[in-house]
Amino acid sequence: MTEPSNLEEKTWPESAERACAYRILRYTPNLVRNEWVNIGVLLFDPRTGERRLRVIEEEEEYRRVRRLHPEADELVLRALRDDLEDRFPSAPAAGVAENTGDWQRLLAKWDEMLSNALQLAPQKGVFAADLDAELERLYADHVAPQRAPSRVGAQGSRAAMRHYCSQVFRQARLWERLQKSVRADEFTFPGDPMRLDYSYRRNGTRGFVQTLSVTRAPADAKLLAYTAERISAKASLKTEFAAVTDVELKMENDRHRFVRDTLREVGIDPIPLEGFSVWVNKLKPLLQ
């Protein structure tokens, strides 16, 4: 599918599909061999300049890169998303109209600034009604590690949990009220790679929601607790936190008890994934 040549002349209803374009971000550490691995997706509306960017962030994704390229510069990869966003702070992120020619020039700058090991694949077209949902689909198709089919109810990764949480927020019509992928370095220290999945504001309070895979990475509870303490100390508003866990925390399980106590000690409310929709329904009237 190619990008329509008259995008700037069309008007699109907000709920209708729009003609968009995307480019896959590739990592090619050895130019002689010309072997690359896909590490991100840039999706944008050429008519308005609205864009979405997602790059690898899960440990499983970094392990995949290391398997394919043992000499991969992981420090560069972990800083990539923040580096790209910091270099182009003026790029519109949410429906701000921009001349198509300006946007194409911006993309040309992306090509120029990327190192030889980082490349944007040729542009392709796609129709999308929801940029966030389309970004998730493209990322799953082109970047995310492929998994064998698993049994229903199998415990998933944070990426799978975020996908479910995003669907619940959309069904509750709260998606547009949320800030997504909030950088922690606003509250901690420059260079902190951590991001909080969702944030919202209500009646002078700023809330944060983070997915936490207890079965895969229970130690992440300590990182989340530390970050929550820093946010509470530096935020200008009152704060509240929720951690969405992949399993219900049971007190007879030492690992579960460690996670629960670590979270609750700093005021983080643990919410099991199976009860997340109920929690969102209780939050909904507070945000309206």
C-alpha atoms as a PDB file:
ATOM      1  CA  MET A   1       0.000   0.000   0.000  1.00  0.00           C
ATOM      2  CA  THR A   2       1.450   3.351  -0.969  1.00  0.00           C
ATOM      3  CA  GLU A   3       0.864   6.683   0.653  1.00  0.00           C
ATOM      4  CA  PRO A   4      -1.836   8.769  -1.146  1.00  0.00           C
ATOM      5  CA  SER A   5      -0.361  11.791  -2.859  1.00  0.00           C
ATOM      6  CA  ASN A   6      -3.206  14.110  -1.866  1.00  0.00           C
ATOM      7  CA  LEU A   7      -3.243  13.504   1.894  1.00  0.00           C
ATOM      8  CA  GLU A   8      -3.128  17.207   2.667  1.00  0.00           C
ATOM      9  CA  GLU A   9      -6.337  17.792   0.712  1.00  0.00           C
ATOM     10  CA  LYS A  10      -8.468  15.257   2.572  1.00  0.00           C
ATOM     11  CA  THR A  11     -10.436  15.777   5.756  1.00  0.00           C
ATOM     12  CA  TRP A  12     -10.890  12.775   7.990  1.00  0.00           C
ATOM     13  CA  PRO A  13     -13.599  12.303  10.655  1.00  0.00           C
ATOM     14  CA  GLU A  14     -12.006  11.617  14.005  1.00  0.00           C
ATOM     15  CA  SER A  15     -13.463   8.081  14.148  1.00  0.00           C
ATOM     16  CA  ALA A  16     -12.654   7.226  10.516  1.00  0.00           C
ATOM     17  CA  GLU A  17      -9.572   5.473   9.265  1.00  0.00           C
ATOM     18  CA  ARG A  18      -6.772   7.781   8.145  1.00  0.00           C
ATOM     19  CA  ALA A  19      -4.056   7.167   5.610  1.00  0.00           C
ATOM     20  CA  CYS A  20      -0.876   6.943   7.685  1.00  0.00           C
ATOM     21  CA  ALA A  21       2.688   5.820   7.141  1.00  0.00           C
ATOM     22  CA  TYR A  22       5.195   3.891   9.190  1.00  0.00           C
ATOM     23  CA  ARG A  23       8.890   3.124   9.218  1.00  0.00           C
ATOM     24  CA  ILE A  24      10.628   0.292  11.045  1.00  0.00           C
ATOM     25  CA  LEU A  25      13.743   1.156  13.044  1.00  0.00           C
ATOM     26  CA  ARG A  26      16.542  -1.338  12.423  1.00  0.00           C
ATOM     27  CA  TYR A  27      19.734  -2.106  14.325  1.00  0.00           C
ATOM     28  CA  THR A  28      22.625  -3.157  12.042  1.00  0.00           C
ATOM     29  CA  PRO A  29      25.856  -3.341  14.073  1.00  0.00           C
ATOM     30  CA  ASN A  30      27.816  -4.980  11.243  1.00  0.00           C
ATOM     31  CA  LEU A  31      27.328  -3.059   7.995  1.00  0.00           C
ATOM     32  CA  VAL A  32      29.510  -5.468   6.021  1.00  0.00           C
ATOM     33  CA  ARG A  33      27.199  -8.390   6.753  1.00  0.00           C
ATOM     34  CA  ASN A  34      24.092  -6.212   6.372  1.00  0.00           C
ATOM     35  CA  GLU A  35      22.228  -8.257   8.984  1.00  0.00           C
ATOM     36  CA  TRP A  36      19.714  -6.286  10.981  1.00  0.00           C
ATOM     37  CA  VAL A  37      17.137  -6.786  13.716  1.00  0.00           C
ATOM     38  CA  ASN A  38      13.974  -4.692  14.013  1.00  0.00           C
ATOM     39  CA  ILE A  39      13.959  -2.697  17.259  1.00  0.00           C
ATOM     40  CA  GLY A  40      11.203  -0.103  16.875  1.00  0.00           C
ATOM     41  CA  VAL A  41       8.297   1.409  14.949  1.00  0.00           C
ATOM     42  CA  LEU A  42       7.625   5.021  13.975  1.00  0.00           C
ATOM     43  CA  LEU A  43       3.997   5.588  12.924  1.00  0.00           C
ATOM     44  CA  PHE A  44       2.776   8.984  11.723  1.00  0.00           C
ATOM     45  CA  ASP A  45       0.006  10.848   9.943  1.00  0.00           C
ATOM     46  CA  PRO A  46       1.680  12.797   7.089  1.00  0.00           C
ATOM     47  CA  ARG A  47      -1.293  15.166   6.949  1.00  0.00           C
ATOM     48  CA  THR A  48      -1.030  16.422  10.529  1.00  0.00           C
ATOM     49  CA  GLY A  49       2.402  15.270  11.677  1.00  0.00           C
ATOM     50  CA  GLU A  50       0.867  13.343  14.593  1.00  0.00           C
ATOM     51  CA  ARG A  51       3.239  10.528  15.479  1.00  0.00           C
ATOM     52  CA  ARG A  52       3.775   7.526  17.703  1.00  0.00           C
ATOM     53  CA  LEU A  53       7.108   5.871  18.483  1.00  0.00           C
ATOM     54  CA  ARG A  54       7.859   2.617  20.265  1.00  0.00           C
ATOM     55  CA  VAL A  55      11.212   0.895  20.667  1.00  0.00           C
ATOM     56  CA  ILE A  56      12.290  -2.209  22.569  1.00  0.00           C
ATOM     57  CA  GLU A  57      12.308  -1.950  26.343  1.00  0.00           C
ATOM     58  CA  GLU A  58      11.638  -5.407  27.821  1.00  0.00           C
ATOM     59  CA  GLU A  59      14.530  -7.626  28.955  1.00  0.00           C
ATOM     60  CA  GLU A  60      13.251 -10.391  26.706  1.00  0.00           C
ATOM     61  CA  GLU A  61      13.572  -8.046  23.739  1.00  0.00           C
ATOM     62  CA  TYR A  62      17.144  -7.113  24.648  1.00  0.00           C
ATOM     63  CA  ARG A  63      18.011 -10.793  25.044  1.00  0.00           C
ATOM     64  CA  ARG A  64      16.749 -11.402  21.524  1.00  0.00           C
ATOM     65  CA  VAL A  65      19.046  -8.667  20.185  1.00  0.00           C
ATOM     66  CA  ARG A  66      22.015 -10.121  22.087  1.00  0.00           C
ATOM     67  CA  ARG A  67      21.329 -13.587  20.679  1.00  0.00           C
ATOM     68  CA  LEU A  68      21.388 -12.221  17.130  1.00  0.00           C
ATOM     69  CA  HIS A  69      24.174  -9.686  17.737  1.00  0.00           C
ATOM     70  CA  PRO A  70      26.355 -10.635  20.757  1.00  0.00           C
ATOM     71  CA  GLU A  71      28.400  -7.438  20.349  1.00  0.00           C
ATOM     72  CA  ALA A  72      25.348  -5.144  20.385  1.00  0.00           C
ATOM     73  CA  ASP A  73      25.845  -1.780  22.119  1.00  0.00           C
ATOM     74  CA  GLU A  74      23.099  -2.148  24.694  1.00  0.00           C
ATOM     75  CA  LEU A  75      23.713   1.259  26.292  1.00  0.00           C
ATOM     76  CA  VAL A  76      22.917   2.939  22.966  1.00  0.00           C
ATOM     77  CA  LEU A  77      19.777   0.855  22.508  1.00  0.00           C
ATOM     78  CA  ARG A  78      18.473   1.548  26.018  1.00  0.00           C
ATOM     79  CA  ALA A  79      18.895   5.308  25.557  1.00  0.00           C
ATOM     80  CA  LEU A  80      17.541   5.365  22.016  1.00  0.00           C
ATOM     81  CA  ARG A  81      13.920   6.340  22.585  1.00  0.00           C
ATOM     82  CA  ASP A  82      14.689   9.230  24.923  1.00  0.00           C
ATOM     83  CA  ASP A  83      17.462  10.387  22.605  1.00  0.00           C
ATOM     84  CA  LEU A  84      15.157  10.484  19.586  1.00  0.00           C
ATOM     85  CA  GLU A  85      12.399  12.288  21.455  1.00  0.00           C
ATOM     86  CA  ASP A  86      14.798  14.805  23.003  1.00  0.00           C
ATOM     87  CA  ARG A  87      16.306  15.702  19.642  1.00  0.00           C
ATOM     88  CA  PHE A  88      12.922  16.606  18.191  1.00  0.00           C
ATOM     89  CA  PRO A  89      10.902  18.244  20.994  1.00  0.00           C
ATOM     90  CA  SER A  90       8.994  20.342  18.460  1.00  0.00           C
ATOM     91  CA  ALA A  91       7.647  17.326  16.573  1.00  0.00           C
ATOM     92  CA  PRO A  92       3.851  17.223  17.079  1.00  0.00           C
ATOM     93  CA  ALA A  93       2.606  14.265  19.074  1.00  0.00           C
ATOM     94  CA  ALA A  94      -1.148  14.718  19.201  1.00  0.00           C
ATOM     95  CA  GLY A  95      -2.957  16.135  16.252  1.00  0.00           C
ATOM     96  CA  VAL A  96      -1.155  19.446  15.767  1.00  0.00           C
ATOM     97  CA  ALA A  97      -1.394  20.368  12.121  1.00  0.00           C
ATOM     98  CA  GLU A  98       1.898  20.646  10.305  1.00  0.00           C
ATOM     99  CA  ASN A  99       2.805  21.105   6.662  1.00  0.00           C
ATOM    100  CA  THR A 100       3.483  17.743   5.027  1.00  0.00           C
ATOM    101  CA  GLY A 101       6.697  19.069   3.520  1.00  0.00           C
ATOM    102  CA  ASP A 102       7.937  20.092   6.961  1.00  0.00           C
ATOM    103  CA  TRP A 103       7.213  16.626   8.285  1.00  0.00           C
ATOM    104  CA  GLN A 104       9.094  14.992   5.429  1.00  0.00           C
ATOM    105  CA  ARG A 105      12.056  17.261   6.133  1.00  0.00           C
ATOM    106  CA  LEU A 106      11.871  16.204   9.784  1.00  0.00           C
ATOM    107  CA  LEU A 107      12.033  12.557   8.741  1.00  0.00           C
ATOM    108  CA  ALA A 108      15.047  13.360   6.583  1.00  0.00           C
ATOM    109  CA  LYS A 109      16.744  14.736   9.708  1.00  0.00           C
ATOM    110  CA  TRP A 110      16.012  11.462  11.511  1.00  0.00           C
ATOM    111  CA  ASP A 111      17.790   9.614   8.705  1.00  0.00           C
ATOM    112  CA  GLU A 112      20.769  11.982   8.890  1.00  0.00           C
ATOM    113  CA  MET A 113      21.190  11.871  12.666  1.00  0.00           C
ATOM    114  CA  LEU A 114      20.967   8.104  13.090  1.00  0.00           C
ATOM    115  CA  SER A 115      24.281   6.299  13.318  1.00  0.00           C
ATOM    116  CA  ASN A 116      25.309   3.765  10.694  1.00  0.00           C
ATOM    117  CA  ALA A 117      24.112   1.001  12.988  1.00  0.00           C
ATOM    118  CA  LEU A 118      20.630   2.526  13.310  1.00  0.00           C
ATOM    119  CA  GLN A 119      18.511   2.863  10.195  1.00  0.00           C
ATOM    120  CA  LEU A 120      14.924   3.660   9.273  1.00  0.00           C
ATOM    121  CA  ALA A 121      13.497   1.147   6.806  1.00  0.00           C
ATOM    122  CA  PRO A 122      11.701   2.459   3.695  1.00  0.00           C
ATOM    123  CA  GLN A 123       8.345   4.082   4.354  1.00  0.00           C
ATOM    124  CA  LYS A 124       5.144   2.042   4.003  1.00  0.00           C
ATOM    125  CA  GLY A 125       1.492   3.039   4.174  1.00  0.00           C
ATOM    126  CA  VAL A 126      -1.336   1.840   6.359  1.00  0.00           C
ATOM    127  CA  PHE A 127      -4.900   2.910   7.219  1.00  0.00           C
ATOM    128  CA  ALA A 128      -5.612   3.450  10.928  1.00  0.00           C
ATOM    129  CA  ALA A 129      -8.439   4.881  13.012  1.00  0.00           C
ATOM    130  CA  ASP A 130      -6.465   4.748  16.287  1.00  0.00           C
ATOM    131  CA  LEU A 131      -2.721   5.446  16.122  1.00  0.00           C
ATOM    132  CA  ASP A 132      -2.047   3.839  19.503  1.00  0.00           C
ATOM    133  CA  ALA A 133      -3.822   0.608  18.572  1.00  0.00           C
ATOM    134  CA  GLU A 134      -2.162   0.522  15.155  1.00  0.00           C
ATOM    135  CA  LEU A 135       1.261   1.080  16.723  1.00  0.00           C
ATOM    136  CA  GLU A 136       0.698  -1.935  18.991  1.00  0.00           C
ATOM    137  CA  ARG A 137      -0.303  -4.067  15.993  1.00  0.00           C
ATOM    138  CA  LEU A 138       2.711  -3.015  13.931  1.00  0.00           C
ATOM    139  CA  TYR A 139       5.048  -3.552  16.874  1.00  0.00           C
ATOM    140  CA  ALA A 140       3.656  -7.040  17.474  1.00  0.00           C
ATOM    141  CA  ASP A 141       4.018  -7.914  13.772  1.00  0.00           C
ATOM    142  CA  HIS A 142       7.472  -6.448  13.118  1.00  0.00           C
ATOM    143  CA  VAL A 143       9.401  -6.157  16.405  1.00  0.00           C
ATOM    144  CA  ALA A 144       8.074  -8.163  19.355  1.00  0.00           C
ATOM    145  CA  PRO A 145       9.635 -11.623  19.893  1.00  0.00           C
ATOM    146  CA  GLN A 146       7.509 -14.340  18.361  1.00  0.00           C
ATOM    147  CA  ARG A 147       5.979 -16.705  20.873  1.00  0.00           C
ATOM    148  CA  ALA A 148       4.541 -20.162  20.501  1.00  0.00           C
ATOM    149  CA  PRO A 149       0.793 -20.383  21.205  1.00  0.00           C
ATOM    150  CA  SER A 150       0.214 -20.752  24.940  1.00  0.00           C
ATOM    151  CA  ARG A 151      -2.632 -22.123  26.960  1.00  0.00           C
ATOM    152  CA  VAL A 152      -5.467 -19.808  27.897  1.00  0.00           C
ATOM    153  CA  GLY A 153      -4.614 -18.028  31.127  1.00  0.00           C
ATOM    154  CA  ALA A 154      -0.869 -18.496  30.843  1.00  0.00           C
ATOM    155  CA  GLN A 155       0.994 -15.776  32.675  1.00  0.00           C
ATOM    156  CA  GLY A 156       2.299 -13.167  30.246  1.00  0.00           C
ATOM    157  CA  SER A 157       4.893 -10.444  29.967  1.00  0.00           C
ATOM    158  CA  ARG A 158       4.453  -6.799  30.852  1.00  0.00           C
ATOM    159  CA  ALA A 159       3.843  -6.095  27.165  1.00  0.00           C
ATOM    160  CA  ALA A 160       0.887  -8.492  27.166  1.00  0.00           C
ATOM    161  CA  MET A 161      -0.387  -6.983  30.405  1.00  0.00           C
ATOM    162  CA  ARG A 162      -0.149  -3.451  29.011  1.00  0.00           C
ATOM    163  CA  HIS A 163      -2.078  -4.514  25.937  1.00  0.00           C
ATOM    164  CA  TYR A 164      -4.903  -5.816  28.135  1.00  0.00           C
ATOM    165  CA  CYS A 165      -4.876  -2.718  30.362  1.00  0.00           C
ATOM    166  CA  SER A 166      -4.988  -0.447  27.321  1.00  0.00           C
ATOM    167  CA  GLN A 167      -8.030  -2.295  26.000  1.00  0.00           C
ATOM    168  CA  VAL A 168      -9.787  -1.901  29.355  1.00  0.00           C
ATOM    169  CA  PHE A 169      -9.028   1.837  29.431  1.00  0.00           C
ATOM    170  CA  ARG A 170     -10.354   2.215  25.873  1.00  0.00           C
ATOM    171  CA  GLN A 171     -13.558   0.337  26.639  1.00  0.00           C
ATOM    172  CA  ALA A 172     -14.080   2.590  29.668  1.00  0.00           C
ATOM    173  CA  ARG A 173     -13.564   5.642  27.384  1.00  0.00           C
ATOM    174  CA  LEU A 174     -10.673   6.855  29.516  1.00  0.00           C
ATOM    175  CA  TRP A 175      -7.870   6.393  26.978  1.00  0.00           C
ATOM    176  CA  GLU A 176      -7.712  10.031  25.903  1.00  0.00           C
ATOM    177  CA  ARG A 177      -7.557  11.171  29.535  1.00  0.00           C
ATOM    178  CA  LEU A 178      -4.362   9.253  30.201  1.00  0.00           C
ATOM    179  CA  GLN A 179      -0.738  10.135  29.733  1.00  0.00           C
ATOM    180  CA  LYS A 180       1.166   7.101  28.501  1.00  0.00           C
ATOM    181  CA  SER A 181       4.750   5.965  28.985  1.00  0.00           C
ATOM    182  CA  VAL A 182       5.711   8.695  31.476  1.00  0.00           C
ATOM    183  CA  ARG A 183       9.452   9.235  31.836  1.00  0.00           C
ATOM    184  CA  ALA A 184      10.653   8.640  35.388  1.00  0.00           C
ATOM    185  CA  ASP A 185      13.665  10.934  35.015  1.00  0.00           C
ATOM    186  CA  GLU A 186      11.303  13.868  35.491  1.00  0.00           C
ATOM    187  CA  PHE A 187      11.274  12.839  39.165  1.00  0.00           C
ATOM    188  CA  THR A 188      14.479  10.812  39.652  1.00  0.00           C
ATOM    189  CA  PHE A 189      17.745  11.554  37.845  1.00  0.00           C
ATOM    190  CA  PRO A 190      18.707  12.372  34.243  1.00  0.00           C
ATOM    191  CA  GLY A 191      19.247   9.231  32.232  1.00  0.00           C
ATOM    192  CA  ASP A 192      16.814   7.077  34.218  1.00  0.00           C
ATOM    193  CA  PRO A 193      15.414   4.706  31.542  1.00  0.00           C
ATOM    194  CA  MET A 194      12.302   3.710  33.488  1.00  0.00           C
ATOM    195  CA  ARG A 195       8.857   4.728  32.260  1.00  0.00           C
ATOM    196  CA  LEU A 196       5.513   4.529  34.018  1.00  0.00           C
ATOM    197  CA  ASP A 197       2.826   2.891  31.896  1.00  0.00           C
ATOM    198  CA  TYR A 198      -0.053   5.307  32.579  1.00  0.00           C
ATOM    199  CA  SER A 199      -0.749   8.520  34.458  1.00  0.00           C
ATOM    200  CA  TYR A 200      -3.954  10.469  35.142  1.00  0.00           C
ATOM    201  CA  ARG A 201      -5.072  13.551  37.034  1.00  0.00           C
ATOM    202  CA  ARG A 202      -8.135  13.970  39.245  1.00  0.00           C
ATOM    203  CA  ASN A 203      -9.094  16.675  41.735  1.00  0.00           C
ATOM    204  CA  GLY A 204      -5.579  17.855  42.443  1.00  0.00           C
ATOM    205  CA  THR A 205      -4.150  14.334  42.520  1.00  0.00           C
ATOM    206  CA  ARG A 206      -1.850  12.719  39.985  1.00  0.00           C
ATOM    207  CA  GLY A 207      -2.151   8.961  39.700  1.00  0.00           C
ATOM    208  CA  PHE A 208       0.238   6.420  38.211  1.00  0.00           C
ATOM    209  CA  VAL A 209      -0.472   2.880  37.042  1.00  0.00           C
ATOM    210  CA  GLN A 210       2.331   0.404  36.367  1.00  0.00           C
ATOM    211  CA  THR A 211       2.192  -3.225  35.251  1.00  0.00           C
ATOM    212  CA  LEU A 212       4.323  -5.641  37.271  1.00  0.00           C
ATOM    213  CA  SER A 213       5.026  -9.266  36.336  1.00  0.00           C
ATOM    214  CA  VAL A 214       5.384 -11.016  39.669  1.00  0.00           C
ATOM    215  CA  THR A 215       6.023 -14.402  38.078  1.00  0.00           C
ATOM    216  CA  ARG A 216       8.834 -13.109  35.833  1.00  0.00           C
ATOM    217  CA  ALA A 217      10.426 -10.198  37.690  1.00  0.00           C
ATOM    218  CA  PRO A 218       9.318  -9.825  41.330  1.00  0.00           C
ATOM    219  CA  ALA A 219      12.413  -7.696  42.067  1.00  0.00           C
ATOM    220  CA  ASP A 220      10.897  -4.964  39.896  1.00  0.00           C
ATOM    221  CA  ALA A 221       8.685  -4.214  42.890  1.00  0.00           C
ATOM    222  CA  LYS A 222      11.712  -2.606  44.596  1.00  0.00           C
ATOM    223  CA  LEU A 223      12.407  -0.435  41.558  1.00  0.00           C
ATOM    224  CA  LEU A 224       8.790   0.659  41.401  1.00  0.00           C
ATOM    225  CA  ALA A 225       8.745   1.399  45.148  1.00  0.00           C
ATOM    226  CA  TYR A 226      11.866   3.556  44.877  1.00  0.00           C
ATOM    227  CA  THR A 227      10.434   5.434  41.899  1.00  0.00           C
ATOM    228  CA  ALA A 228       7.119   6.009  43.672  1.00  0.00           C
ATOM    229  CA  GLU A 229       8.941   7.506  46.667  1.00  0.00           C
ATOM    230  CA  ARG A 230      10.872   9.887  44.384  1.00  0.00           C
ATOM    231  CA  ILE A 231       7.711  10.922  42.563  1.00  0.00           C
ATOM    232  CA  SER A 232       5.842  11.574  45.808  1.00  0.00           C
ATOM    233  CA  ALA A 233       8.733  13.713  47.073  1.00  0.00           C
ATOM    234  CA  LYS A 234       9.068  15.837  43.922  1.00  0.00           C
ATOM    235  CA  ALA A 235       5.583  15.994  42.386  1.00  0.00           C
ATOM    236  CA  SER A 236       3.721  19.286  42.777  1.00  0.00           C
ATOM    237  CA  LEU A 237       0.414  17.422  43.248  1.00  0.00           C
ATOM    238  CA  LYS A 238      -0.732  14.770  45.683  1.00  0.00           C
ATOM    239  CA  THR A 239       0.085  11.334  44.249  1.00  0.00           C
ATOM    240  CA  GLU A 240      -1.420   7.858  44.222  1.00  0.00           C
ATOM    241  CA  PHE A 241      -0.097   4.617  42.730  1.00  0.00           C
ATOM    242  CA  ALA A 242      -1.429   1.280  41.542  1.00  0.00           C
ATOM    243  CA  ALA A 243       0.583  -1.752  40.453  1.00  0.00           C
ATOM    244  CA  VAL A 244      -1.239  -4.186  38.161  1.00  0.00           C
ATOM    245  CA  THR A 245       0.140  -7.665  38.924  1.00  0.00           C
ATOM    246  CA  ASP A 246      -0.114 -10.661  36.605  1.00  0.00           C
ATOM    247  CA  VAL A 247      -1.315 -12.856  39.489  1.00  0.00           C
ATOM    248  CA  GLU A 248      -3.260 -12.312  42.667  1.00  0.00           C
ATOM    249  CA  LEU A 249      -0.855 -11.959  45.583  1.00  0.00           C
ATOM    250  CA  LYS A 250      -1.297 -14.794  48.079  1.00  0.00           C
ATOM    251  CA  MET A 251       0.112 -14.430  51.570  1.00  0.00           C
ATOM    252  CA  GLU A 252       1.183 -18.072  51.865  1.00  0.00           C
ATOM    253  CA  ASN A 253       3.630 -17.448  49.017  1.00  0.00           C
ATOM    254  CA  ASP A 254       6.866 -15.815  50.206  1.00  0.00           C
ATOM    255  CA  ARG A 255       7.505 -14.121  46.855  1.00  0.00           C
ATOM    256  CA  HIS A 256       3.992 -12.699  46.732  1.00  0.00           C
ATOM    257  CA  ARG A 257       4.248 -11.467  50.313  1.00  0.00           C
ATOM    258  CA  PHE A 258       7.558  -9.751  49.490  1.00  0.00           C
ATOM    259  CA  VAL A 259       5.965  -7.947  46.536  1.00  0.00           C
ATOM    260  CA  ARG A 260       2.870  -6.924  48.498  1.00  0.00           C
ATOM    261  CA  ASP A 261       4.821  -5.595  51.490  1.00  0.00           C
ATOM    262  CA  THR A 262       7.342  -3.769  49.294  1.00  0.00           C
ATOM    263  CA  LEU A 263       4.545  -2.013  47.406  1.00  0.00           C
ATOM    264  CA  ARG A 264       2.299  -1.212  50.321  1.00  0.00           C
ATOM    265  CA  GLU A 265       5.148   0.186  52.416  1.00  0.00           C
ATOM    266  CA  VAL A 266       5.326   3.149  50.013  1.00  0.00           C
ATOM    267  CA  GLY A 267       1.580   3.413  49.375  1.00  0.00           C
ATOM    268  CA  ILE A 268       1.279   1.453  46.118  1.00  0.00           C
ATOM    269  CA  ASP A 269      -2.013  -0.411  45.764  1.00  0.00           C
ATOM    270  CA  PRO A 270      -1.544  -3.874  44.153  1.00  0.00           C
ATOM    271  CA  ILE A 271      -4.313  -4.751  41.680  1.00  0.00           C
ATOM    272  CA  PRO A 272      -4.478  -8.272  40.172  1.00  0.00           C
ATOM    273  CA  LEU A 273      -4.898  -8.248  36.397  1.00  0.00           C
ATOM    274  CA  GLU A 274      -8.140 -10.199  36.648  1.00  0.00           C
ATOM    275  CA  GLY A 275      -9.606  -7.422  38.816  1.00  0.00           C
ATOM    276  CA  PHE A 276      -8.287  -4.503  36.755  1.00  0.00           C
ATOM    277  CA  SER A 277     -11.540  -3.835  34.863  1.00  0.00           C
ATOM    278  CA  VAL A 278     -13.407  -3.538  38.175  1.00  0.00           C
ATOM    279  CA  TRP A 279     -10.768  -1.111  39.463  1.00  0.00           C
ATOM    280  CA  VAL A 280     -11.039   0.991  36.290  1.00  0.00           C
ATOM    281  CA  ASN A 281     -14.826   1.153  36.593  1.00  0.00           C
ATOM    282  CA  LYS A 282     -14.405   2.573  40.096  1.00  0.00           C
ATOM    283  CA  LEU A 283     -11.832   5.095  38.839  1.00  0.00           C
ATOM    284  CA  LYS A 284     -13.935   6.219  35.868  1.00  0.00           C
ATOM    285  CA  PRO A 285     -16.418   8.526  37.667  1.00  0.00           C
ATOM    286  CA  LEU A 286     -13.533  10.219  39.477  1.00  0.00           C
ATOM    287  CA  LEU A 287     -11.990  11.290  36.159  1.00  0.00           C
ATOM    288  CA  GLN A 288     -15.179  12.741  34.674  1.00  0.00           C
END
